[in-house]
Amino acid sequence: MKLQQGQIWQKGNNFYRITEWSRMIIQYKHTHALEHKEGEVVEVSKKEFCRLLKGATLVEPPSS
């Protein structure tokens, strides 16, 4: 799994958008709808984030 800043992951009805990516820490926004830009910002280790995403799917950005 290759994590990148700006990716959106979906697991059930939850969406996780990576807002800041570094070597050891991931900062992400958690929302319940893809259209919402506001959300709870959470900072976790990369290992914790990968565990959170287990079974999640990467949401493809809409093509322009």
C-alpha atoms as a PDB file:
ATOM      1  CA  MET A   1       0.000   0.000   0.000  1.00  0.00           C
ATOM      2  CA  LYS A   2       1.540   3.314  -1.092  1.00  0.00           C
ATOM      3  CA  LEU A   3       0.240   6.209   1.000  1.00  0.00           C
ATOM      4  CA  GLN A   4       0.284   9.732  -0.428  1.00  0.00           C
ATOM      5  CA  GLN A   5      -0.916  13.111   0.730  1.00  0.00           C
ATOM      6  CA  GLY A   6      -4.402  13.905  -0.580  1.00  0.00           C
ATOM      7  CA  GLN A   7      -5.577  10.292  -0.891  1.00  0.00           C
ATOM      8  CA  ILE A   8      -9.122   9.483   0.206  1.00  0.00           C
ATOM      9  CA  TRP A   9      -9.883   6.069   1.682  1.00  0.00           C
ATOM     10  CA  GLN A  10     -13.351   4.636   2.347  1.00  0.00           C
ATOM     11  CA  LYS A  11     -14.181   2.041   4.962  1.00  0.00           C
ATOM     12  CA  GLY A  12     -17.903   1.463   5.377  1.00  0.00           C
ATOM     13  CA  ASN A  13     -19.581   4.877   5.701  1.00  0.00           C
ATOM     14  CA  ASN A  14     -16.374   6.585   6.847  1.00  0.00           C
ATOM     15  CA  PHE A  15     -13.957   8.553   4.683  1.00  0.00           C
ATOM     16  CA  TYR A  16     -10.347   9.261   5.600  1.00  0.00           C
ATOM     17  CA  ARG A  17      -8.466  12.002   3.702  1.00  0.00           C
ATOM     18  CA  ILE A  18      -4.695  12.181   4.245  1.00  0.00           C
ATOM     19  CA  THR A  19      -3.946  15.858   4.926  1.00  0.00           C
ATOM     20  CA  GLU A  20      -0.300  15.555   5.946  1.00  0.00           C
ATOM     21  CA  TRP A  21       2.047  12.677   5.312  1.00  0.00           C
ATOM     22  CA  SER A  22       5.509  12.266   6.794  1.00  0.00           C
ATOM     23  CA  ARG A  23       7.869   9.396   7.373  1.00  0.00           C
ATOM     24  CA  MET A  24       6.435   8.385  10.761  1.00  0.00           C
ATOM     25  CA  ILE A  25       3.224  10.411  11.246  1.00  0.00           C
ATOM     26  CA  ILE A  26      -0.003  10.607   9.269  1.00  0.00           C
ATOM     27  CA  GLN A  27      -2.502  13.405   9.777  1.00  0.00           C
ATOM     28  CA  TYR A  28      -5.954  12.726   8.368  1.00  0.00           C
ATOM     29  CA  LYS A  29      -9.475  14.133   8.323  1.00  0.00           C
ATOM     30  CA  HIS A  30     -12.314  11.809   9.234  1.00  0.00           C
ATOM     31  CA  THR A  31     -15.742  12.498   7.673  1.00  0.00           C
ATOM     32  CA  HIS A  32     -18.937  10.563   7.051  1.00  0.00           C
ATOM     33  CA  ALA A  33     -19.615  12.017   3.589  1.00  0.00           C
ATOM     34  CA  LEU A  34     -17.222  12.581   0.705  1.00  0.00           C
ATOM     35  CA  GLU A  35     -18.666  16.033  -0.081  1.00  0.00           C
ATOM     36  CA  HIS A  36     -17.920  17.435   3.381  1.00  0.00           C
ATOM     37  CA  LYS A  37     -14.610  19.255   3.679  1.00  0.00           C
ATOM     38  CA  GLU A  38     -14.912  19.776   7.443  1.00  0.00           C
ATOM     39  CA  GLY A  39     -13.995  16.916   9.686  1.00  0.00           C
ATOM     40  CA  GLU A  40     -12.112  15.818  12.719  1.00  0.00           C
ATOM     41  CA  VAL A  41      -8.333  16.063  12.189  1.00  0.00           C
ATOM     42  CA  VAL A  42      -6.422  13.207  13.793  1.00  0.00           C
ATOM     43  CA  GLU A  43      -2.670  12.569  14.010  1.00  0.00           C
ATOM     44  CA  VAL A  44      -1.465   8.973  14.338  1.00  0.00           C
ATOM     45  CA  SER A  45       1.583   6.893  13.548  1.00  0.00           C
ATOM     46  CA  LYS A  46       1.830   5.379  10.091  1.00  0.00           C
ATOM     47  CA  LYS A  47       1.452   1.902  11.625  1.00  0.00           C
ATOM     48  CA  GLU A  48      -1.817   2.881  13.380  1.00  0.00           C
ATOM     49  CA  PHE A  49      -3.160   4.420  10.172  1.00  0.00           C
ATOM     50  CA  CYS A  50      -2.405   1.273   8.183  1.00  0.00           C
ATOM     51  CA  ARG A  51      -4.268  -0.790  10.789  1.00  0.00           C
ATOM     52  CA  LEU A  52      -7.209   1.629  10.539  1.00  0.00           C
ATOM     53  CA  LEU A  53      -7.306   1.228   6.747  1.00  0.00           C
ATOM     54  CA  LYS A  54      -7.308  -2.571   6.803  1.00  0.00           C
ATOM     55  CA  GLY A  55     -10.144  -3.566   4.468  1.00  0.00           C
ATOM     56  CA  ALA A  56     -10.626  -0.003   3.168  1.00  0.00           C
ATOM     57  CA  THR A  57     -10.696   0.972  -0.502  1.00  0.00           C
ATOM     58  CA  LEU A  58      -8.965   3.893  -2.186  1.00  0.00           C
ATOM     59  CA  VAL A  59     -11.459   6.373  -3.652  1.00  0.00           C
ATOM     60  CA  GLU A  60     -10.407   7.420  -7.146  1.00  0.00           C
ATOM     61  CA  PRO A  61     -10.447  11.181  -7.723  1.00  0.00           C
ATOM     62  CA  PRO A  62     -13.095  12.299 -10.239  1.00  0.00           C
ATOM     63  CA  SER A  63     -11.598  12.708 -13.710  1.00  0.00           C
ATOM     64  CA  SER A  64     -11.893  16.191 -15.204  1.00  0.00           C
END
